[in-house]
Amino acid sequence: VLLVESGGGLAQAGGSLRLSCAASRSIDSFDVMEWYRQSPGMQRELVASRNNGGSIYYTDSVRGRFTISRDSAKNTVHLQMNSLKPEDTAVYYCHASDGPKTRPYWGRGTQVNVSS
């Protein structure tokens, strides 16, 4: 399974970016698809998650600003990021799982830089 992120780049504080994660198989077949991010010197953190049942989770720092969505026809998951802040600067990774105790799938990441 391949996951390929795109849409990263440079944005000003208050601006928006839309990340995409294209999967090499049907995204409806995954148990969960998620976005993580990692800043230099920091642990990778879960940003947003959507499971196959439709349940959605956001970490507190992005709730109300970021939206995770999916386009099953294109096997793509998106992360719409609005009202960006400098602290959102990180490499953003797409993650997919077939369920607990199964091998996770990761993309290579896309860099997001937010200037103040």
Protein backbone atom coordinates (compact mmCIF):
# COMPACT_ATOMS: atom_id res chain seq x y z
CA VAL A 1 0.00 0.00 0.00
CA LEU A 2 1.30 3.43 -0.94
CA LEU A 3 0.20 6.69 0.62
CA VAL A 4 1.32 9.87 -1.11
CA GLU A 5 0.84 13.26 0.51
CA SER A 6 0.67 16.55 -1.35
CA GLY A 7 -0.41 20.13 -0.78
CA GLY A 8 2.18 21.29 1.69
CA GLY A 9 4.05 24.53 1.31
CA LEU A 10 4.42 27.98 2.77
CA ALA A 11 1.51 29.94 4.16
CA GLN A 12 1.18 33.09 6.21
CA ALA A 13 -0.40 33.04 9.63
CA GLY A 14 -4.15 33.15 9.20
CA GLY A 15 -3.95 31.51 5.82
CA SER A 16 -5.07 28.12 4.57
CA LEU A 17 -3.64 25.01 3.01
CA ARG A 18 -5.27 21.79 1.88
CA LEU A 19 -3.33 18.57 2.22
CA SER A 20 -4.19 15.47 0.26
CA CYS A 21 -3.28 11.82 0.80
CA ALA A 22 -3.74 9.54 -2.18
CA ALA A 23 -3.89 5.82 -1.43
CA SER A 24 -3.04 2.98 -3.77
CA ARG A 25 -6.11 1.03 -2.72
CA SER A 26 -9.67 1.85 -1.72
CA ILE A 27 -9.69 4.07 1.34
CA ASP A 28 -12.99 2.50 2.34
CA SER A 29 -11.08 -0.70 3.06
CA PHE A 30 -9.00 0.86 5.82
CA ASP A 31 -10.14 0.76 9.41
CA VAL A 32 -8.90 4.28 10.00
CA MET A 33 -7.10 7.05 8.15
CA GLU A 34 -5.27 9.76 10.03
CA TRP A 35 -3.03 12.79 9.75
CA TYR A 36 -0.03 13.15 12.02
CA ARG A 37 2.57 15.89 12.22
CA GLN A 38 6.08 16.19 13.53
CA SER A 39 8.05 19.31 14.30
CA PRO A 40 11.85 19.29 14.74
CA GLY A 41 12.78 17.85 18.10
CA MET A 42 9.21 16.86 18.85
CA GLN A 43 7.38 13.56 18.86
CA ARG A 44 5.00 12.77 16.05
CA GLU A 45 1.51 13.71 17.13
CA LEU A 46 -1.95 12.74 15.94
CA VAL A 47 -3.71 15.71 14.36
CA ALA A 48 -6.93 14.29 12.94
CA SER A 49 -8.49 10.89 12.52
CA ARG A 50 -11.48 9.42 10.73
CA ASN A 51 -12.46 5.79 11.10
CA ASN A 52 -14.55 3.65 8.81
CA GLY A 53 -17.59 4.23 10.98
CA GLY A 54 -17.37 7.94 10.38
CA SER A 55 -16.09 8.93 13.81
CA ILE A 56 -13.77 11.92 13.67
CA TYR A 57 -11.18 13.10 16.15
CA TYR A 58 -9.13 16.30 16.29
CA THR A 59 -6.39 17.18 18.68
CA ASP A 60 -7.32 20.18 20.80
CA SER A 61 -4.88 22.58 19.14
CA VAL A 62 -6.50 22.23 15.70
CA ARG A 63 -10.16 21.63 16.54
CA GLY A 64 -12.31 24.24 14.81
CA ARG A 65 -9.54 25.11 12.34
CA PHE A 66 -8.76 21.82 10.57
CA THR A 67 -11.17 19.49 8.81
CA ILE A 68 -10.51 15.91 7.74
CA SER A 69 -12.53 14.61 4.81
CA ARG A 70 -12.43 11.83 2.29
CA ASP A 71 -13.14 11.34 -1.39
CA SER A 72 -13.75 7.63 -1.83
CA ALA A 73 -14.05 7.92 -5.60
CA LYS A 74 -10.47 9.22 -5.73
CA ASN A 75 -9.13 7.14 -2.83
CA THR A 76 -8.00 10.38 -1.24
CA VAL A 77 -8.18 11.85 2.23
CA HIS A 78 -7.86 15.60 2.72
CA LEU A 79 -6.91 17.84 5.59
CA GLN A 80 -8.23 21.37 5.17
CA MET A 81 -6.20 23.68 7.39
CA ASN A 82 -7.58 27.15 8.06
CA SER A 83 -6.47 29.96 10.35
CA LEU A 84 -2.97 28.58 10.27
CA LYS A 85 -0.55 29.47 13.05
CA PRO A 86 3.26 29.38 13.12
CA GLU A 87 3.02 26.48 15.58
CA ASP A 88 1.33 24.41 12.85
CA THR A 89 4.69 24.28 11.08
CA ALA A 90 5.65 20.62 10.77
CA VAL A 91 5.96 17.69 8.43
CA TYR A 92 2.48 16.24 8.00
CA TYR A 93 2.13 12.49 7.51
CA CYS A 94 -0.76 10.41 6.29
CA HIS A 95 -1.36 7.17 8.18
CA ALA A 96 -3.71 4.29 7.47
CA SER A 97 -4.46 1.14 9.39
CA ASP A 98 -6.36 -2.07 8.83
CA GLY A 99 -7.06 -2.30 12.55
CA PRO A 100 -5.33 -2.99 15.86
CA LYS A 101 -2.24 -5.19 15.77
CA THR A 102 -1.90 -4.78 12.00
CA ARG A 103 0.92 -3.23 10.05
CA PRO A 104 0.49 0.53 9.78
CA TYR A 105 0.93 2.38 6.51
CA TRP A 106 2.71 5.74 6.34
CA GLY A 107 3.30 8.29 3.66
CA ARG A 108 6.60 10.12 3.33
CA GLY A 109 5.18 13.38 4.56
CA THR A 110 4.68 16.88 3.24
CA GLN A 111 6.25 19.99 4.77
CA VAL A 112 4.03 22.81 6.00
CA ASN A 113 5.63 26.12 6.97
CA VAL A 114 3.59 28.91 8.46
CA SER A 115 5.20 32.32 8.75
CA SER A 116 4.17 34.92 11.29
